[in-house]
Amino acid sequence: MDYHNPVLLKETVDGLNIKEDGVYVDVTFGGGGHSREILARLGPNGKLYAFDQDLDALENKIDDERFTLINENFRYIKRFLRFYGVRKVDGILGDFGVSSHQFDVAERGFSTRFESKLDMRMDQKSALSAYQVVNEYEEKQLRDVLFNYGELRNSPKIARTIVSERKEGPIETSEHLKEVLKPFLPAAKEHKILAQIYQAIRIEVNQEIEALKEFLLQTEDLLNEEGRISLISYHSLEDRLVKRFIRSGMFEGEPEKDFYGNISVPFKKVGKLRVPSSEEIKKNNRARSAKLRIAEKL
């Protein structure tokens, strides 16, 4: 799997509790590692639908009559499954990280390691790229992106510096952006802070938080009773949303209680939080921040 090493492969697919004739969805197809494992456990009448908005992922399409790959963002899961006549499924898997392929192809602009144009689009057809965020967002917008998605306390100073620099001309490449950010990158923390800044811009470009919320809210209607979600997050913003949704079916506030103080929630969690073993992290360092949560529809 040169494209993307599937993280927590066995644990994530085990979490779906697969039925041989069930209908399943892999909403982050990537290199197809999780999808292939699901297909290996399905019988001849089982069905797997997969989503990926990245055109490069289409090269990994699996030749299997039980498999359908949909080149769309998973935030539209219900709409596109209905196009295929699917209204209910038995399980949904999601691995929300950036794929190894996206990090390793320099021109995609996801990695801090390479000189590249500012891009970071998971969907290459999207109009919004990192270039627009860095060069066209107002200072307050930029500050909010860096604070909300990068959790950077000095986001006002970083935003002000970027806006000041671009008055001299657009910031077009990753190296130019790094040069602008130098005052905020002490040697001991350079990679960590740069990763936070890149994460913030990437989340904004791809509307990752909005897409995740929209997706999660659709899972309740899509899943059959006792159907499961098996979801891997890589940073605290995503994991908090997934954890809170599983616990309460909401992202903010608390669910209403009935006369007896009971609350009605759509899911029950299955098992404890799962993280990769030290052996897996040795083989695939990008797995180190992965967190797997599994829940079952009530």
C-alpha atoms as a PDB file:
ATOM      1  CA  MET A   1       0.000   0.000   0.000  1.00  0.00           C
ATOM      2  CA  ASP A   2       2.241   2.800  -1.255  1.00  0.00           C
ATOM      3  CA  TYR A   3      -0.700   5.193  -1.594  1.00  0.00           C
ATOM      4  CA  HIS A   4      -1.801   5.033   2.034  1.00  0.00           C
ATOM      5  CA  ASN A   5      -1.115   2.530   4.801  1.00  0.00           C
ATOM      6  CA  PRO A   6      -4.488   1.738   6.397  1.00  0.00           C
ATOM      7  CA  VAL A   7      -4.331   2.633  10.077  1.00  0.00           C
ATOM      8  CA  LEU A   8      -5.778   0.296  12.736  1.00  0.00           C
ATOM      9  CA  LEU A   9      -6.909  -1.932   9.868  1.00  0.00           C
ATOM     10  CA  LYS A  10      -8.118  -4.989  11.793  1.00  0.00           C
ATOM     11  CA  GLU A  11      -9.516  -3.017  14.728  1.00  0.00           C
ATOM     12  CA  THR A  12     -11.496  -0.610  12.529  1.00  0.00           C
ATOM     13  CA  VAL A  13     -13.050  -3.318  10.353  1.00  0.00           C
ATOM     14  CA  ASP A  14     -13.646  -5.587  13.369  1.00  0.00           C
ATOM     15  CA  GLY A  15     -15.578  -2.674  14.848  1.00  0.00           C
ATOM     16  CA  LEU A  16     -18.154  -2.871  12.051  1.00  0.00           C
ATOM     17  CA  ASN A  17     -19.155  -6.403  13.140  1.00  0.00           C
ATOM     18  CA  ILE A  18     -19.631  -7.286   9.466  1.00  0.00           C
ATOM     19  CA  LYS A  19     -22.518  -9.418   8.250  1.00  0.00           C
ATOM     20  CA  GLU A  20     -21.752 -11.412   5.107  1.00  0.00           C
ATOM     21  CA  ASP A  21     -24.780 -10.045   3.215  1.00  0.00           C
ATOM     22  CA  GLY A  22     -24.618  -6.540   4.699  1.00  0.00           C
ATOM     23  CA  VAL A  23     -24.279  -3.129   3.055  1.00  0.00           C
ATOM     24  CA  TYR A  24     -21.303  -1.031   4.141  1.00  0.00           C
ATOM     25  CA  VAL A  25     -19.737   2.335   3.350  1.00  0.00           C
ATOM     26  CA  ASP A  26     -16.086   3.396   3.483  1.00  0.00           C
ATOM     27  CA  VAL A  27     -16.321   7.192   3.345  1.00  0.00           C
ATOM     28  CA  THR A  28     -12.547   7.763   3.006  1.00  0.00           C
ATOM     29  CA  PHE A  29     -11.433   5.268   0.349  1.00  0.00           C
ATOM     30  CA  GLY A  30      -7.878   6.576  -0.261  1.00  0.00           C
ATOM     31  CA  GLY A  31      -5.670   3.627  -1.153  1.00  0.00           C
ATOM     32  CA  GLY A  32      -8.497   1.192  -0.533  1.00  0.00           C
ATOM     33  CA  GLY A  33      -6.890  -0.712   2.351  1.00  0.00           C
ATOM     34  CA  HIS A  34      -9.927  -0.651   4.636  1.00  0.00           C
ATOM     35  CA  SER A  35     -12.252  -1.328   1.690  1.00  0.00           C
ATOM     36  CA  ARG A  36     -10.317  -4.427   0.661  1.00  0.00           C
ATOM     37  CA  GLU A  37     -10.528  -5.794   4.187  1.00  0.00           C
ATOM     38  CA  ILE A  38     -14.301  -5.205   4.275  1.00  0.00           C
ATOM     39  CA  LEU A  39     -14.721  -6.959   0.923  1.00  0.00           C
ATOM     40  CA  ALA A  40     -12.667  -9.906   2.195  1.00  0.00           C
ATOM     41  CA  ARG A  41     -15.242 -10.393   4.958  1.00  0.00           C
ATOM     42  CA  LEU A  42     -18.364  -9.910   2.807  1.00  0.00           C
ATOM     43  CA  GLY A  43     -20.166 -12.769   1.121  1.00  0.00           C
ATOM     44  CA  PRO A  44     -21.265 -12.790  -2.545  1.00  0.00           C
ATOM     45  CA  ASN A  45     -24.429 -10.826  -1.718  1.00  0.00           C
ATOM     46  CA  GLY A  46     -22.715  -8.166   0.368  1.00  0.00           C
ATOM     47  CA  LYS A  47     -22.173  -4.638  -0.955  1.00  0.00           C
ATOM     48  CA  LEU A  48     -19.611  -1.924  -0.298  1.00  0.00           C
ATOM     49  CA  TYR A  49     -19.860   1.714  -1.367  1.00  0.00           C
ATOM     50  CA  ALA A  50     -16.843   3.982  -0.989  1.00  0.00           C
ATOM     51  CA  PHE A  51     -16.430   7.768  -1.162  1.00  0.00           C
ATOM     52  CA  ASP A  52     -13.369   9.840  -2.006  1.00  0.00           C
ATOM     53  CA  GLN A  53     -13.303  13.385  -3.390  1.00  0.00           C
ATOM     54  CA  ASP A  54      -9.645  13.102  -4.456  1.00  0.00           C
ATOM     55  CA  LEU A  55      -9.293  12.310  -8.168  1.00  0.00           C
ATOM     56  CA  ASP A  56      -6.008  10.504  -7.477  1.00  0.00           C
ATOM     57  CA  ALA A  57      -7.857   7.944  -5.335  1.00  0.00           C
ATOM     58  CA  LEU A  58      -9.821   6.778  -8.389  1.00  0.00           C
ATOM     59  CA  GLU A  59      -6.643   5.086  -9.609  1.00  0.00           C
ATOM     60  CA  ASN A  60      -7.036   2.612  -6.740  1.00  0.00           C
ATOM     61  CA  LYS A  61     -10.554   1.488  -7.691  1.00  0.00           C
ATOM     62  CA  ILE A  62     -11.213  -2.160  -6.821  1.00  0.00           C
ATOM     63  CA  ASP A  63     -12.416  -4.480  -9.582  1.00  0.00           C
ATOM     64  CA  ASP A  64     -15.201  -6.261  -7.710  1.00  0.00           C
ATOM     65  CA  GLU A  65     -18.884  -6.354  -8.642  1.00  0.00           C
ATOM     66  CA  ARG A  66     -19.779  -5.856  -4.975  1.00  0.00           C
ATOM     67  CA  PHE A  67     -17.906  -2.538  -4.911  1.00  0.00           C
ATOM     68  CA  THR A  68     -18.907   0.984  -6.032  1.00  0.00           C
ATOM     69  CA  LEU A  69     -16.560   3.995  -5.756  1.00  0.00           C
ATOM     70  CA  ILE A  70     -18.182   7.444  -5.625  1.00  0.00           C
ATOM     71  CA  ASN A  71     -15.973  10.469  -6.401  1.00  0.00           C
ATOM     72  CA  GLU A  72     -17.616  12.862  -3.927  1.00  0.00           C
ATOM     73  CA  ASN A  73     -17.140  14.341  -0.465  1.00  0.00           C
ATOM     74  CA  PHE A  74     -18.639  12.184   2.287  1.00  0.00           C
ATOM     75  CA  ARG A  75     -20.659  15.159   3.487  1.00  0.00           C
ATOM     76  CA  TYR A  76     -23.069  14.221   0.660  1.00  0.00           C
ATOM     77  CA  ILE A  77     -23.309  10.565   1.716  1.00  0.00           C
ATOM     78  CA  LYS A  78     -27.090  10.329   1.939  1.00  0.00           C
ATOM     79  CA  ARG A  79     -27.699  12.084  -1.394  1.00  0.00           C
ATOM     80  CA  PHE A  80     -25.357   9.864  -3.392  1.00  0.00           C
ATOM     81  CA  LEU A  81     -26.330   6.610  -1.718  1.00  0.00           C
ATOM     82  CA  ARG A  82     -29.936   7.371  -2.643  1.00  0.00           C
ATOM     83  CA  PHE A  83     -28.810   7.862  -6.245  1.00  0.00           C
ATOM     84  CA  TYR A  84     -27.755   4.202  -6.086  1.00  0.00           C
ATOM     85  CA  GLY A  85     -31.031   3.197  -4.432  1.00  0.00           C
ATOM     86  CA  VAL A  86     -29.511   2.772  -0.971  1.00  0.00           C
ATOM     87  CA  ARG A  87     -31.418   4.156   2.006  1.00  0.00           C
ATOM     88  CA  LYS A  88     -30.104   1.975   4.836  1.00  0.00           C
ATOM     89  CA  VAL A  89     -26.677   0.467   5.558  1.00  0.00           C
ATOM     90  CA  ASP A  90     -25.208  -1.827   8.196  1.00  0.00           C
ATOM     91  CA  GLY A  91     -21.980  -0.001   8.883  1.00  0.00           C
ATOM     92  CA  ILE A  92     -19.912   3.088   8.036  1.00  0.00           C
ATOM     93  CA  LEU A  93     -16.133   3.395   8.282  1.00  0.00           C
ATOM     94  CA  GLY A  94     -14.213   6.668   8.225  1.00  0.00           C
ATOM     95  CA  ASP A  95     -10.470   7.390   8.435  1.00  0.00           C
ATOM     96  CA  PHE A  96     -10.316  11.180   8.471  1.00  0.00           C
ATOM     97  CA  GLY A  97      -6.593  11.740   8.107  1.00  0.00           C
ATOM     98  CA  VAL A  98      -4.785  13.195   5.132  1.00  0.00           C
ATOM     99  CA  SER A  99      -3.546  10.258   3.061  1.00  0.00           C
ATOM    100  CA  SER A 100       0.148   9.430   2.791  1.00  0.00           C
ATOM    101  CA  HIS A 101      -0.174  10.047  -0.944  1.00  0.00           C
ATOM    102  CA  GLN A 102      -1.435  13.592  -0.388  1.00  0.00           C
ATOM    103  CA  PHE A 103       1.443  14.315   1.979  1.00  0.00           C
ATOM    104  CA  ASP A 104       4.065  12.751  -0.274  1.00  0.00           C
ATOM    105  CA  VAL A 105       3.133  14.384  -3.602  1.00  0.00           C
ATOM    106  CA  ALA A 106       4.903  17.747  -3.359  1.00  0.00           C
ATOM    107  CA  GLU A 107       2.656  19.671  -5.742  1.00  0.00           C
ATOM    108  CA  ARG A 108      -0.432  18.970  -3.599  1.00  0.00           C
ATOM    109  CA  GLY A 109       1.003  21.360  -0.999  1.00  0.00           C
ATOM    110  CA  PHE A 110       0.007  19.398   2.120  1.00  0.00           C
ATOM    111  CA  SER A 111       3.494  18.794   3.484  1.00  0.00           C
ATOM    112  CA  THR A 112       5.826  21.235   5.190  1.00  0.00           C
ATOM    113  CA  ARG A 113       8.763  19.256   3.734  1.00  0.00           C
ATOM    114  CA  PHE A 114       8.460  20.354   0.110  1.00  0.00           C
ATOM    115  CA  GLU A 115       8.672  23.534  -1.920  1.00  0.00           C
ATOM    116  CA  SER A 116       5.315  23.859  -3.659  1.00  0.00           C
ATOM    117  CA  LYS A 117       2.565  26.248  -4.625  1.00  0.00           C
ATOM    118  CA  LEU A 118       0.032  26.844  -1.859  1.00  0.00           C
ATOM    119  CA  ASP A 119      -2.779  24.390  -2.611  1.00  0.00           C
ATOM    120  CA  MET A 120      -3.922  21.809   0.018  1.00  0.00           C
ATOM    121  CA  ARG A 121      -7.140  20.916  -1.823  1.00  0.00           C
ATOM    122  CA  MET A 122      -8.360  17.357  -1.253  1.00  0.00           C
ATOM    123  CA  ASP A 123     -10.836  17.937  -4.074  1.00  0.00           C
ATOM    124  CA  GLN A 124      -8.765  19.275  -6.971  1.00  0.00           C
ATOM    125  CA  LYS A 125     -11.951  20.755  -8.497  1.00  0.00           C
ATOM    126  CA  SER A 126     -12.516  23.037  -5.514  1.00  0.00           C
ATOM    127  CA  ALA A 127     -12.212  26.791  -6.092  1.00  0.00           C
ATOM    128  CA  LEU A 128     -10.758  27.507  -2.642  1.00  0.00           C
ATOM    129  CA  SER A 129      -7.072  26.723  -2.133  1.00  0.00           C
ATOM    130  CA  ALA A 130      -4.449  27.616   0.468  1.00  0.00           C
ATOM    131  CA  TYR A 131      -3.376  30.453  -1.838  1.00  0.00           C
ATOM    132  CA  GLN A 132      -6.759  32.168  -1.425  1.00  0.00           C
ATOM    133  CA  VAL A 133      -6.807  31.672   2.349  1.00  0.00           C
ATOM    134  CA  VAL A 134      -3.296  33.111   2.799  1.00  0.00           C
ATOM    135  CA  ASN A 135      -3.577  35.937   0.270  1.00  0.00           C
ATOM    136  CA  GLU A 136      -7.236  36.951   0.187  1.00  0.00           C
ATOM    137  CA  TYR A 137      -8.724  36.364   3.641  1.00  0.00           C
ATOM    138  CA  GLU A 138      -9.150  39.485   5.769  1.00  0.00           C
ATOM    139  CA  GLU A 139      -6.958  39.676   8.843  1.00  0.00           C
ATOM    140  CA  LYS A 140      -9.791  38.726  11.222  1.00  0.00           C
ATOM    141  CA  GLN A 141     -10.776  35.740   9.068  1.00  0.00           C
ATOM    142  CA  LEU A 142      -7.193  34.552   8.995  1.00  0.00           C
ATOM    143  CA  ARG A 143      -6.832  35.026  12.748  1.00  0.00           C
ATOM    144  CA  ASP A 144      -9.989  32.979  13.401  1.00  0.00           C
ATOM    145  CA  VAL A 145      -8.824  30.159  11.105  1.00  0.00           C
ATOM    146  CA  LEU A 146      -5.443  29.938  12.876  1.00  0.00           C
ATOM    147  CA  PHE A 147      -7.002  30.084  16.341  1.00  0.00           C
ATOM    148  CA  ASN A 148      -9.995  27.796  15.799  1.00  0.00           C
ATOM    149  CA  TYR A 149      -8.329  25.139  13.640  1.00  0.00           C
ATOM    150  CA  GLY A 150      -4.675  25.413  14.665  1.00  0.00           C
ATOM    151  CA  GLU A 151      -5.312  26.280  18.326  1.00  0.00           C
ATOM    152  CA  LEU A 152      -2.579  28.910  18.099  1.00  0.00           C
ATOM    153  CA  ARG A 153      -2.654  31.457  20.904  1.00  0.00           C
ATOM    154  CA  ASN A 154      -0.563  33.963  18.964  1.00  0.00           C
ATOM    155  CA  SER A 155      -2.882  33.784  15.941  1.00  0.00           C
ATOM    156  CA  PRO A 156      -3.455  37.610  15.924  1.00  0.00           C
ATOM    157  CA  LYS A 157       0.286  38.264  15.481  1.00  0.00           C
ATOM    158  CA  ILE A 158       0.683  35.549  12.841  1.00  0.00           C
ATOM    159  CA  ALA A 159      -2.320  36.854  10.864  1.00  0.00           C
ATOM    160  CA  ARG A 160      -1.054  40.438  11.095  1.00  0.00           C
ATOM    161  CA  THR A 161       2.390  39.393   9.825  1.00  0.00           C
ATOM    162  CA  ILE A 162       0.941  37.480   6.857  1.00  0.00           C
ATOM    163  CA  VAL A 163      -1.314  40.398   5.884  1.00  0.00           C
ATOM    164  CA  SER A 164       1.597  42.841   6.152  1.00  0.00           C
ATOM    165  CA  GLU A 165       3.878  40.660   4.011  1.00  0.00           C
ATOM    166  CA  ARG A 166       1.365  40.123   1.210  1.00  0.00           C
ATOM    167  CA  LYS A 167       1.055  43.871   0.675  1.00  0.00           C
ATOM    168  CA  GLU A 168       4.465  43.600  -0.995  1.00  0.00           C
ATOM    169  CA  GLY A 169       3.148  40.863  -3.314  1.00  0.00           C
ATOM    170  CA  PRO A 170       1.335  37.554  -3.064  1.00  0.00           C
ATOM    171  CA  ILE A 171       2.671  34.679  -0.961  1.00  0.00           C
ATOM    172  CA  GLU A 172       2.670  31.933  -3.578  1.00  0.00           C
ATOM    173  CA  THR A 173       4.777  29.047  -2.250  1.00  0.00           C
ATOM    174  CA  SER A 174       5.294  27.035   0.909  1.00  0.00           C
ATOM    175  CA  GLU A 175       8.880  28.281   1.205  1.00  0.00           C
ATOM    176  CA  HIS A 176       7.750  31.901   0.987  1.00  0.00           C
ATOM    177  CA  LEU A 177       5.129  31.233   3.673  1.00  0.00           C
ATOM    178  CA  LYS A 178       7.739  29.593   5.917  1.00  0.00           C
ATOM    179  CA  GLU A 179      10.011  32.621   5.473  1.00  0.00           C
ATOM    180  CA  VAL A 180       7.152  34.904   6.562  1.00  0.00           C
ATOM    181  CA  LEU A 181       6.446  32.687   9.573  1.00  0.00           C
ATOM    182  CA  LYS A 182      10.088  32.492  10.728  1.00  0.00           C
ATOM    183  CA  PRO A 183       9.613  34.855  13.722  1.00  0.00           C
ATOM    184  CA  PHE A 184       7.061  32.397  15.131  1.00  0.00           C
ATOM    185  CA  LEU A 185       9.114  29.234  14.597  1.00  0.00           C
ATOM    186  CA  PRO A 186      11.678  28.759  17.398  1.00  0.00           C
ATOM    187  CA  ALA A 187      14.105  25.963  16.565  1.00  0.00           C
ATOM    188  CA  ALA A 188      12.858  23.613  19.301  1.00  0.00           C
ATOM    189  CA  LYS A 189       9.215  23.889  18.178  1.00  0.00           C
ATOM    190  CA  GLU A 190       9.504  24.767  14.487  1.00  0.00           C
ATOM    191  CA  HIS A 191       7.963  21.566  13.103  1.00  0.00           C
ATOM    192  CA  LYS A 192       5.139  21.450  15.669  1.00  0.00           C
ATOM    193  CA  ILE A 193       4.041  25.070  15.144  1.00  0.00           C
ATOM    194  CA  LEU A 194       4.357  24.853  11.357  1.00  0.00           C
ATOM    195  CA  ALA A 195       2.240  21.684  11.423  1.00  0.00           C
ATOM    196  CA  GLN A 196      -0.439  23.530  13.439  1.00  0.00           C
ATOM    197  CA  ILE A 197      -0.479  26.408  10.927  1.00  0.00           C
ATOM    198  CA  TYR A 198      -0.678  24.027   7.974  1.00  0.00           C
ATOM    199  CA  GLN A 199      -3.422  22.052   9.703  1.00  0.00           C
ATOM    200  CA  ALA A 200      -5.469  25.207  10.250  1.00  0.00           C
ATOM    201  CA  ILE A 201      -5.189  26.316   6.627  1.00  0.00           C
ATOM    202  CA  ARG A 202      -5.914  22.795   5.331  1.00  0.00           C
ATOM    203  CA  ILE A 203      -9.033  22.429   7.485  1.00  0.00           C
ATOM    204  CA  GLU A 204     -10.330  25.760   6.194  1.00  0.00           C
ATOM    205  CA  VAL A 205      -9.560  24.946   2.553  1.00  0.00           C
ATOM    206  CA  ASN A 206     -11.382  21.621   2.735  1.00  0.00           C
ATOM    207  CA  GLN A 207     -14.128  22.672   5.181  1.00  0.00           C
ATOM    208  CA  GLU A 208     -13.215  19.575   7.166  1.00  0.00           C
ATOM    209  CA  ILE A 209     -15.070  20.424  10.371  1.00  0.00           C
ATOM    210  CA  GLU A 210     -18.288  21.380   8.582  1.00  0.00           C
ATOM    211  CA  ALA A 211     -18.077  18.256   6.403  1.00  0.00           C
ATOM    212  CA  LEU A 212     -17.536  16.011   9.431  1.00  0.00           C
ATOM    213  CA  LYS A 213     -20.524  17.502  11.264  1.00  0.00           C
ATOM    214  CA  GLU A 214     -22.794  17.146   8.222  1.00  0.00           C
ATOM    215  CA  PHE A 215     -21.661  13.557   7.742  1.00  0.00           C
ATOM    216  CA  LEU A 216     -22.150  12.535  11.375  1.00  0.00           C
ATOM    217  CA  LEU A 217     -25.669  13.966  11.503  1.00  0.00           C
ATOM    218  CA  GLN A 218     -26.669  11.763   8.559  1.00  0.00           C
ATOM    219  CA  THR A 219     -25.407   8.511  10.054  1.00  0.00           C
ATOM    220  CA  GLU A 220     -28.349   8.069  12.417  1.00  0.00           C
ATOM    221  CA  ASP A 221     -30.888   7.952   9.575  1.00  0.00           C
ATOM    222  CA  LEU A 222     -28.668   5.825   7.338  1.00  0.00           C
ATOM    223  CA  LEU A 223     -27.849   3.029   9.747  1.00  0.00           C
ATOM    224  CA  ASN A 224     -30.039   0.027  10.387  1.00  0.00           C
ATOM    225  CA  GLU A 225     -30.704  -0.863  14.024  1.00  0.00           C
ATOM    226  CA  GLU A 226     -27.483  -2.294  15.498  1.00  0.00           C
ATOM    227  CA  GLY A 227     -25.561  -0.823  12.536  1.00  0.00           C
ATOM    228  CA  ARG A 228     -22.190   0.601  13.459  1.00  0.00           C
ATOM    229  CA  ILE A 229     -19.864   3.514  12.840  1.00  0.00           C
ATOM    230  CA  SER A 230     -16.107   2.935  13.122  1.00  0.00           C
ATOM    231  CA  LEU A 231     -14.260   6.257  12.928  1.00  0.00           C
ATOM    232  CA  ILE A 232     -10.583   7.255  13.112  1.00  0.00           C
ATOM    233  CA  SER A 233      -9.635  10.848  13.996  1.00  0.00           C
ATOM    234  CA  TYR A 234      -6.155  12.392  13.986  1.00  0.00           C
ATOM    235  CA  HIS A 235      -6.488  15.659  15.855  1.00  0.00           C
ATOM    236  CA  SER A 236      -8.402  16.878  18.886  1.00  0.00           C
ATOM    237  CA  LEU A 237     -10.890  19.015  16.939  1.00  0.00           C
ATOM    238  CA  GLU A 238     -12.201  15.975  15.037  1.00  0.00           C
ATOM    239  CA  ASP A 239     -11.996  13.588  17.961  1.00  0.00           C
ATOM    240  CA  ARG A 240     -13.980  15.899  20.249  1.00  0.00           C
ATOM    241  CA  LEU A 241     -16.764  16.105  17.654  1.00  0.00           C
ATOM    242  CA  VAL A 242     -16.883  12.330  17.161  1.00  0.00           C
ATOM    243  CA  LYS A 243     -16.756  11.624  20.911  1.00  0.00           C
ATOM    244  CA  ARG A 244     -19.501  14.138  21.728  1.00  0.00           C
ATOM    245  CA  PHE A 245     -21.726  12.966  18.872  1.00  0.00           C
ATOM    246  CA  ILE A 246     -21.484   9.339  19.999  1.00  0.00           C
ATOM    247  CA  ARG A 247     -22.264  10.340  23.572  1.00  0.00           C
ATOM    248  CA  SER A 248     -25.175  12.696  22.931  1.00  0.00           C
ATOM    249  CA  GLY A 249     -26.003  12.882  19.213  1.00  0.00           C
ATOM    250  CA  MET A 250     -25.112  16.591  19.416  1.00  0.00           C
ATOM    251  CA  PHE A 251     -22.072  18.845  19.075  1.00  0.00           C
ATOM    252  CA  GLU A 252     -23.149  21.527  21.552  1.00  0.00           C
ATOM    253  CA  GLY A 253     -25.397  21.684  24.584  1.00  0.00           C
ATOM    254  CA  GLU A 254     -26.958  18.701  26.310  1.00  0.00           C
ATOM    255  CA  PRO A 255     -29.742  16.358  25.134  1.00  0.00           C
ATOM    256  CA  GLU A 256     -33.171  16.900  26.664  1.00  0.00           C
ATOM    257  CA  LYS A 257     -34.237  14.668  29.551  1.00  0.00           C
ATOM    258  CA  ASP A 258     -37.671  13.119  29.935  1.00  0.00           C
ATOM    259  CA  PHE A 259     -39.818  13.312  33.082  1.00  0.00           C
ATOM    260  CA  TYR A 260     -37.713  10.597  34.714  1.00  0.00           C
ATOM    261  CA  GLY A 261     -34.395  12.218  33.867  1.00  0.00           C
ATOM    262  CA  ASN A 262     -33.550   9.838  31.036  1.00  0.00           C
ATOM    263  CA  ILE A 263     -32.015  11.035  27.781  1.00  0.00           C
ATOM    264  CA  SER A 264     -32.603   9.611  24.336  1.00  0.00           C
ATOM    265  CA  VAL A 265     -29.418   9.189  22.310  1.00  0.00           C
ATOM    266  CA  PRO A 266     -28.978   7.565  18.872  1.00  0.00           C
ATOM    267  CA  PHE A 267     -25.827   5.546  19.628  1.00  0.00           C
ATOM    268  CA  LYS A 268     -24.088   3.570  22.319  1.00  0.00           C
ATOM    269  CA  LYS A 269     -20.323   3.361  22.329  1.00  0.00           C
ATOM    270  CA  VAL A 270     -18.724  -0.024  21.709  1.00  0.00           C
ATOM    271  CA  GLY A 271     -15.640  -0.719  23.792  1.00  0.00           C
ATOM    272  CA  LYS A 272     -13.007   1.813  24.747  1.00  0.00           C
ATOM    273  CA  LEU A 273     -11.000   4.287  22.721  1.00  0.00           C
ATOM    274  CA  ARG A 274      -8.479   2.409  20.589  1.00  0.00           C
ATOM    275  CA  VAL A 275      -5.064   3.702  19.541  1.00  0.00           C
ATOM    276  CA  PRO A 276      -2.307   2.091  17.431  1.00  0.00           C
ATOM    277  CA  SER A 277       0.200  -0.238  19.065  1.00  0.00           C
ATOM    278  CA  SER A 278       3.840   0.758  19.363  1.00  0.00           C
ATOM    279  CA  GLU A 279       4.590  -1.844  16.668  1.00  0.00           C
ATOM    280  CA  GLU A 280       2.179  -0.207  14.227  1.00  0.00           C
ATOM    281  CA  ILE A 281       3.599   3.247  14.935  1.00  0.00           C
ATOM    282  CA  LYS A 282       7.114   1.927  14.246  1.00  0.00           C
ATOM    283  CA  LYS A 283       5.962   0.666  10.844  1.00  0.00           C
ATOM    284  CA  ASN A 284       3.849   3.751  10.074  1.00  0.00           C
ATOM    285  CA  ASN A 285       4.771   6.884  12.027  1.00  0.00           C
ATOM    286  CA  ARG A 286       1.722   8.735  10.676  1.00  0.00           C
ATOM    287  CA  ALA A 287      -0.488   6.428  12.757  1.00  0.00           C
ATOM    288  CA  ARG A 288       0.841   7.888  16.013  1.00  0.00           C
ATOM    289  CA  SER A 289      -2.021  10.347  16.601  1.00  0.00           C
ATOM    290  CA  ALA A 290      -4.870   8.085  15.424  1.00  0.00           C
ATOM    291  CA  LYS A 291      -7.860   7.525  17.709  1.00  0.00           C
ATOM    292  CA  LEU A 292     -10.554   4.977  16.859  1.00  0.00           C
ATOM    293  CA  ARG A 293     -14.072   5.226  18.281  1.00  0.00           C
ATOM    294  CA  ILE A 294     -16.813   2.689  17.557  1.00  0.00           C
ATOM    295  CA  ALA A 295     -20.548   3.050  18.239  1.00  0.00           C
ATOM    296  CA  GLU A 296     -23.739   1.111  17.544  1.00  0.00           C
ATOM    297  CA  LYS A 297     -27.113   2.482  16.493  1.00  0.00           C
ATOM    298  CA  LEU A 298     -29.777   1.985  19.152  1.00  0.00           C
END
